[in-house]
C-alpha atoms as a PDB file:
ATOM      1  CA  UNK A   1       7.740   3.340 -22.764  1.00  0.00           C
ATOM      2  CA  UNK A   2       5.116   1.469 -20.724  1.00  0.00           C
ATOM      3  CA  UNK A   3       6.472   0.383 -17.332  1.00  0.00           C
ATOM      4  CA  UNK A   4       5.205  -2.569 -15.282  1.00  0.00           C
ATOM      5  CA  UNK A   5       2.419  -2.017 -12.853  1.00  0.00           C
ATOM      6  CA  UNK A   6       4.608  -2.013  -9.698  1.00  0.00           C
ATOM      7  CA  UNK A   7       7.116   0.417 -11.265  1.00  0.00           C
ATOM      8  CA  UNK A   8       4.216   2.653 -12.121  1.00  0.00           C
ATOM      9  CA  UNK A   9       2.914   2.517  -8.534  1.00  0.00           C
ATOM     10  CA  UNK A  10       6.443   3.460  -7.340  1.00  0.00           C
ATOM     11  CA  UNK A  11       6.620   6.409  -9.841  1.00  0.00           C
ATOM     12  CA  UNK A  12       3.468   7.852  -8.514  1.00  0.00           C
ATOM     13  CA  UNK A  13       4.535   7.682  -4.920  1.00  0.00           C
ATOM     14  CA  UNK A  14       7.942   9.106  -5.678  1.00  0.00           C
ATOM     15  CA  UNK A  15       6.332  12.163  -7.182  1.00  0.00           C
ATOM     16  CA  UNK A  16       4.144  12.833  -4.131  1.00  0.00           C
ATOM     17  CA  UNK A  17       6.129  11.823  -1.061  1.00  0.00           C
ATOM     18  CA  UNK A  18       8.687  14.225   0.553  1.00  0.00           C
ATOM     19  CA  UNK A  19      11.742  13.554   2.692  1.00  0.00           C
ATOM     20  CA  UNK A  20      10.945  13.536   6.404  1.00  0.00           C
ATOM     21  CA  UNK A  21       7.334  12.317   6.092  1.00  0.00           C
ATOM     22  CA  UNK A  22       5.645   9.399   7.701  1.00  0.00           C
ATOM     23  CA  UNK A  23       4.416   6.847   5.109  1.00  0.00           C
ATOM     24  CA  UNK A  24       2.800   3.456   5.292  1.00  0.00           C
ATOM     25  CA  UNK A  25       3.374   0.130   3.580  1.00  0.00           C
ATOM     26  CA  UNK A  26       0.102  -1.519   4.416  1.00  0.00           C
ATOM     27  CA  UNK A  27       1.131  -4.953   3.109  1.00  0.00           C
ATOM     28  CA  UNK A  28       4.939  -5.242   3.521  1.00  0.00           C
ATOM     29  CA  UNK A  29       5.233  -8.842   2.044  1.00  0.00           C
ATOM     30  CA  UNK A  30       8.910  -9.361   1.101  1.00  0.00           C
ATOM     31  CA  UNK A  31       9.810  -5.746   1.942  1.00  0.00           C
ATOM     32  CA  UNK A  32      10.391  -4.289  -1.506  1.00  0.00           C
ATOM     33  CA  UNK A  33       7.914  -1.450  -1.198  1.00  0.00           C
ATOM     34  CA  UNK A  34       9.062  -0.770   2.417  1.00  0.00           C
ATOM     35  CA  UNK A  35      12.648  -0.393   1.295  1.00  0.00           C
ATOM     36  CA  UNK A  36      11.512   1.847  -1.623  1.00  0.00           C
ATOM     37  CA  UNK A  37       9.612   4.108   0.762  1.00  0.00           C
ATOM     38  CA  UNK A  38      12.471   4.113   3.202  1.00  0.00           C
ATOM     39  CA  UNK A  39      14.739   5.543   0.502  1.00  0.00           C
ATOM     40  CA  UNK A  40      12.333   8.223  -0.553  1.00  0.00           C
ATOM     41  CA  UNK A  41      11.661   9.662   2.908  1.00  0.00           C
ATOM     42  CA  UNK A  42      15.377   9.589   3.956  1.00  0.00           C
ATOM     43  CA  UNK A  43      16.676   9.378   7.518  1.00  0.00           C
ATOM     44  CA  UNK A  44      14.364  12.060   8.907  1.00  0.00           C
ATOM     45  CA  UNK A  45      11.206  10.276   7.789  1.00  0.00           C
ATOM     46  CA  UNK A  46       9.495   7.125   9.047  1.00  0.00           C
ATOM     47  CA  UNK A  47       7.904   4.049   7.393  1.00  0.00           C
ATOM     48  CA  UNK A  48       5.248   2.034   9.150  1.00  0.00           C
ATOM     49  CA  UNK A  49       5.241  -1.391   7.522  1.00  0.00           C
ATOM     50  CA  UNK A  50       2.346  -3.832   8.331  1.00  0.00           C
ATOM     51  CA  UNK A  51       1.692  -7.460   7.520  1.00  0.00           C
ATOM     52  CA  UNK A  52      -0.224 -10.230   9.296  1.00  0.00           C
ATOM     53  CA  UNK A  53       2.170 -13.081   8.334  1.00  0.00           C
ATOM     54  CA  UNK A  54       5.276 -13.832  10.389  1.00  0.00           C
ATOM     55  CA  UNK A  55       7.184 -14.867   7.242  1.00  0.00           C
ATOM     56  CA  UNK A  56       6.502 -11.431   5.666  1.00  0.00           C
ATOM     57  CA  UNK A  57       7.805  -9.755   8.870  1.00  0.00           C
ATOM     58  CA  UNK A  58      10.966 -11.854   8.800  1.00  0.00           C
ATOM     59  CA  UNK A  59      11.448 -11.225   5.078  1.00  0.00           C
ATOM     60  CA  UNK A  60      10.956  -7.453   5.317  1.00  0.00           C
ATOM     61  CA  UNK A  61      13.257  -7.186   8.427  1.00  0.00           C
ATOM     62  CA  UNK A  62      16.051  -9.174   6.631  1.00  0.00           C
ATOM     63  CA  UNK A  63      15.824  -6.936   3.546  1.00  0.00           C
ATOM     64  CA  UNK A  64      15.888  -3.769   5.716  1.00  0.00           C
ATOM     65  CA  UNK A  65      18.900  -5.085   7.681  1.00  0.00           C
ATOM     66  CA  UNK A  66      20.721  -5.993   4.488  1.00  0.00           C
ATOM     67  CA  UNK A  67      20.354  -2.325   3.336  1.00  0.00           C
ATOM     68  CA  UNK A  68      20.971  -0.770   6.806  1.00  0.00           C
ATOM     69  CA  UNK A  69      17.585   0.966   6.952  1.00  0.00           C
ATOM     70  CA  UNK A  70      16.820   2.365  10.363  1.00  0.00           C
ATOM     71  CA  UNK A  71      13.822   4.571   9.555  1.00  0.00           C
ATOM     72  CA  UNK A  72      11.270   1.739   9.440  1.00  0.00           C
ATOM     73  CA  UNK A  73       8.959   0.144  12.099  1.00  0.00           C
ATOM     74  CA  UNK A  74       7.776  -3.303  11.016  1.00  0.00           C
ATOM     75  CA  UNK A  75       4.539  -4.281  12.652  1.00  0.00           C
ATOM     76  CA  UNK A  76       2.970  -7.696  12.677  1.00  0.00           C
ATOM     77  CA  UNK A  77      -0.736  -6.669  12.612  1.00  0.00           C
ATOM     78  CA  UNK A  78      -3.581  -6.246  10.133  1.00  0.00           C
ATOM     79  CA  UNK A  79      -3.606  -3.049   8.123  1.00  0.00           C
ATOM     80  CA  UNK A  80      -7.085  -2.585   9.364  1.00  0.00           C
ATOM     81  CA  UNK A  81      -5.427  -1.707  12.728  1.00  0.00           C
ATOM     82  CA  UNK A  82      -3.019   0.934  11.347  1.00  0.00           C
ATOM     83  CA  UNK A  83      -4.213   3.722  13.600  1.00  0.00           C
ATOM     84  CA  UNK A  84      -3.663   1.701  16.758  1.00  0.00           C
ATOM     85  CA  UNK A  85      -0.015   2.369  15.927  1.00  0.00           C
ATOM     86  CA  UNK A  86       0.032   6.024  15.147  1.00  0.00           C
ATOM     87  CA  UNK A  87      -1.184   9.224  16.989  1.00  0.00           C
ATOM     88  CA  UNK A  88      -4.602  10.596  16.253  1.00  0.00           C
ATOM     89  CA  UNK A  89      -3.186  13.762  14.706  1.00  0.00           C
ATOM     90  CA  UNK A  90      -0.413  12.096  12.670  1.00  0.00           C
ATOM     91  CA  UNK A  91      -0.234  13.234   9.066  1.00  0.00           C
ATOM     92  CA  UNK A  92       0.475  10.552   6.496  1.00  0.00           C
ATOM     93  CA  UNK A  93       2.548  11.490   3.371  1.00  0.00           C
ATOM     94  CA  UNK A  94       1.425   8.457   1.340  1.00  0.00           C
ATOM     95  CA  UNK A  95       0.727   4.764   1.482  1.00  0.00           C
ATOM     96  CA  UNK A  96       0.959   1.605  -0.710  1.00  0.00           C
ATOM     97  CA  UNK A  97      -0.897  -1.652  -0.695  1.00  0.00           C
ATOM     98  CA  UNK A  98      -0.141  -4.723  -2.707  1.00  0.00           C
ATOM     99  CA  UNK A  99      -3.328  -6.848  -2.432  1.00  0.00           C
ATOM    100  CA  UNK A 100      -3.491 -10.609  -2.767  1.00  0.00           C
ATOM    101  CA  UNK A 101      -1.134 -13.015  -1.061  1.00  0.00           C
ATOM    102  CA  UNK A 102       2.579 -13.206  -0.079  1.00  0.00           C
ATOM    103  CA  UNK A 103       4.472 -14.770  -3.137  1.00  0.00           C
ATOM    104  CA  UNK A 104       5.885 -18.224  -2.492  1.00  0.00           C
ATOM    105  CA  UNK A 105       3.732 -18.699   0.677  1.00  0.00           C
ATOM    106  CA  UNK A 106       0.406 -19.997   1.863  1.00  0.00           C
ATOM    107  CA  UNK A 107      -1.988 -18.812  -0.897  1.00  0.00           C
ATOM    108  CA  UNK A 108      -4.978 -19.195   1.491  1.00  0.00           C
ATOM    109  CA  UNK A 109      -3.779 -16.197   3.485  1.00  0.00           C
ATOM    110  CA  UNK A 110      -5.006 -13.296   1.481  1.00  0.00           C
ATOM    111  CA  UNK A 111      -5.986  -9.650   1.864  1.00  0.00           C
ATOM    112  CA  UNK A 112      -9.689  -9.214   2.259  1.00  0.00           C
ATOM    113  CA  UNK A 113     -12.043  -6.343   1.232  1.00  0.00           C
ATOM    114  CA  UNK A 114     -13.314  -5.522   4.701  1.00  0.00           C
ATOM    115  CA  UNK A 115      -9.840  -4.963   6.316  1.00  0.00           C
ATOM    116  CA  UNK A 116      -8.411  -3.251   3.129  1.00  0.00           C
ATOM    117  CA  UNK A 117     -11.401  -0.797   3.049  1.00  0.00           C
ATOM    118  CA  UNK A 118     -11.012  -0.115   6.763  1.00  0.00           C
ATOM    119  CA  UNK A 119      -7.358   0.704   6.291  1.00  0.00           C
ATOM    120  CA  UNK A 120      -7.914   2.977   3.317  1.00  0.00           C
ATOM    121  CA  UNK A 121     -10.657   4.848   5.141  1.00  0.00           C
ATOM    122  CA  UNK A 122      -8.350   5.383   8.145  1.00  0.00           C
ATOM    123  CA  UNK A 123      -5.423   6.542   5.968  1.00  0.00           C
ATOM    124  CA  UNK A 124      -7.585   8.927   3.935  1.00  0.00           C
ATOM    125  CA  UNK A 125      -8.572  10.779   7.153  1.00  0.00           C
ATOM    126  CA  UNK A 126      -4.862  11.388   7.913  1.00  0.00           C
ATOM    127  CA  UNK A 127      -3.545  11.730   4.432  1.00  0.00           C
ATOM    128  CA  UNK A 128      -1.826  15.074   3.598  1.00  0.00           C
ATOM    129  CA  UNK A 129      -3.297  17.392   0.906  1.00  0.00           C
ATOM    130  CA  UNK A 130      -2.269  16.071  -2.465  1.00  0.00           C
ATOM    131  CA  UNK A 131      -1.023  12.857  -0.788  1.00  0.00           C
ATOM    132  CA  UNK A 132      -1.550   9.489  -2.525  1.00  0.00           C
ATOM    133  CA  UNK A 133      -2.628   6.005  -1.612  1.00  0.00           C
ATOM    134  CA  UNK A 134      -1.470   3.593  -4.280  1.00  0.00           C
ATOM    135  CA  UNK A 135      -3.090   0.215  -4.407  1.00  0.00           C
ATOM    136  CA  UNK A 136      -1.804  -2.675  -6.609  1.00  0.00           C
ATOM    137  CA  UNK A 137      -4.730  -5.001  -7.076  1.00  0.00           C
ATOM    138  CA  UNK A 138      -3.775  -8.670  -7.704  1.00  0.00           C
ATOM    139  CA  UNK A 139      -7.179 -10.293  -8.049  1.00  0.00           C
ATOM    140  CA  UNK A 140      -6.587 -13.609  -9.948  1.00  0.00           C
ATOM    141  CA  UNK A 141      -6.847 -15.826  -6.852  1.00  0.00           C
ATOM    142  CA  UNK A 142      -9.552 -17.209  -4.665  1.00  0.00           C
ATOM    143  CA  UNK A 143     -11.254 -14.194  -2.977  1.00  0.00           C
ATOM    144  CA  UNK A 144      -9.504 -11.685  -5.209  1.00  0.00           C
ATOM    145  CA  UNK A 145     -12.609 -10.901  -7.261  1.00  0.00           C
ATOM    146  CA  UNK A 146     -14.637  -9.991  -4.209  1.00  0.00           C
ATOM    147  CA  UNK A 147     -11.939  -7.788  -2.754  1.00  0.00           C
ATOM    148  CA  UNK A 148     -11.593  -6.016  -6.163  1.00  0.00           C
ATOM    149  CA  UNK A 149     -15.353  -5.473  -6.474  1.00  0.00           C
ATOM    150  CA  UNK A 150     -15.718  -4.111  -2.969  1.00  0.00           C
ATOM    151  CA  UNK A 151     -12.711  -1.819  -3.505  1.00  0.00           C
ATOM    152  CA  UNK A 152     -13.915  -0.421  -6.714  1.00  0.00           C
ATOM    153  CA  UNK A 153     -17.403   0.129  -5.336  1.00  0.00           C
ATOM    154  CA  UNK A 154     -16.056   2.068  -2.410  1.00  0.00           C
ATOM    155  CA  UNK A 155     -13.575   4.187  -4.408  1.00  0.00           C
ATOM    156  CA  UNK A 156     -16.200   5.046  -7.045  1.00  0.00           C
ATOM    157  CA  UNK A 157     -18.271   6.445  -4.268  1.00  0.00           C
ATOM    158  CA  UNK A 158     -15.670   8.835  -2.913  1.00  0.00           C
ATOM    159  CA  UNK A 159     -16.652  12.531  -3.289  1.00  0.00           C
ATOM    160  CA  UNK A 160     -14.822  13.870  -6.310  1.00  0.00           C
ATOM    161  CA  UNK A 161     -14.471  17.304  -4.597  1.00  0.00           C
ATOM    162  CA  UNK A 162     -12.396  15.680  -1.933  1.00  0.00           C
ATOM    163  CA  UNK A 163     -10.560  12.855  -3.770  1.00  0.00           C
ATOM    164  CA  UNK A 164      -9.327  12.035  -7.263  1.00  0.00           C
ATOM    165  CA  UNK A 165      -9.181   8.293  -8.063  1.00  0.00           C
ATOM    166  CA  UNK A 166      -7.232   6.737 -10.964  1.00  0.00           C
ATOM    167  CA  UNK A 167      -7.355   3.221 -12.419  1.00  0.00           C
ATOM    168  CA  UNK A 168      -4.306   2.182 -14.489  1.00  0.00           C
ATOM    169  CA  UNK A 169      -4.357  -1.133 -16.148  1.00  0.00           C
ATOM    170  CA  UNK A 170      -3.249  -3.150 -19.166  1.00  0.00           C
ATOM    171  CA  UNK A 171      -6.235  -4.135 -21.310  1.00  0.00           C
ATOM    172  CA  UNK A 172      -4.704  -6.709 -23.649  1.00  0.00           C
ATOM    173  CA  UNK A 173      -3.233  -9.114 -21.026  1.00  0.00           C
ATOM    174  CA  UNK A 174      -4.838 -12.415 -20.104  1.00  0.00           C
ATOM    175  CA  UNK A 175      -5.206 -14.225 -16.644  1.00  0.00           C
ATOM    176  CA  UNK A 176      -6.529 -11.336 -14.541  1.00  0.00           C
ATOM    177  CA  UNK A 177      -3.547  -8.893 -14.822  1.00  0.00           C
ATOM    178  CA  UNK A 178      -2.917  -6.746 -11.826  1.00  0.00           C
ATOM    179  CA  UNK A 179      -3.825  -3.017 -12.007  1.00  0.00           C
ATOM    180  CA  UNK A 180      -3.094   0.144 -10.049  1.00  0.00           C
ATOM    181  CA  UNK A 181      -5.570   2.311  -8.208  1.00  0.00           C
ATOM    182  CA  UNK A 182      -4.436   5.706  -6.971  1.00  0.00           C
ATOM    183  CA  UNK A 183      -6.334   7.959  -4.597  1.00  0.00           C
ATOM    184  CA  UNK A 184      -5.251  11.547  -4.216  1.00  0.00           C
ATOM    185  CA  UNK A 185      -6.590  13.822  -1.482  1.00  0.00           C
ATOM    186  CA  UNK A 186      -7.489  17.227  -2.816  1.00  0.00           C
END
C-alpha cells in the first residue's frame, strides 16, 4: 500500500532514530512532527524544534502541553541558526524539515533555499553515522520552485561516498505535489 508523503517521511525517521538521541524538527509549524519525534526518542532523548513564526511556536507548545511532552525545547529562530542552540560536539540522531509555509497562516512567510541549505549543511556535519535528514518539499507556492531547485542542486552534489540521497515522489498527481528527500550519512 502506498502511504502519503508525510507518513513515508515518518516511517523513514522511525527506522533510523533511537531512544535517547537528540533530534531536530527544523520547521515545527503546528507541532505534529515535533510530537512524533518526541515519542520516538522517549523521555531520555531531546527534540529541538525551530520555527520563525510566533504562531507556529504557540501551536507547537500547545500540542506538546496537550500530550504532556517534556523532552522538547521549542525555539523561535531560523533553522539556519540551529547550531547557535547546540554544542559543537553534539551528535544529532536525525532531523525533519517541512518546507513551504505554515498552513492556515500568512503564505508570504516561507522557507527559503539559503536558510534551508545552511541548516542542512550544519546538521550533516553533526549527524550520526546512518542518521537521516528527511525533507518534505512543498513547492507549489511563490518561491517554492526556487527553493526546490537550489535544494536539488545542492543534494545532487553531495559526495556519494559520504551520503546517500533519495527522492520519493508521486508522478501522476497534479498541482505540484510534495515529495520527500532523504539524506543518509554513510
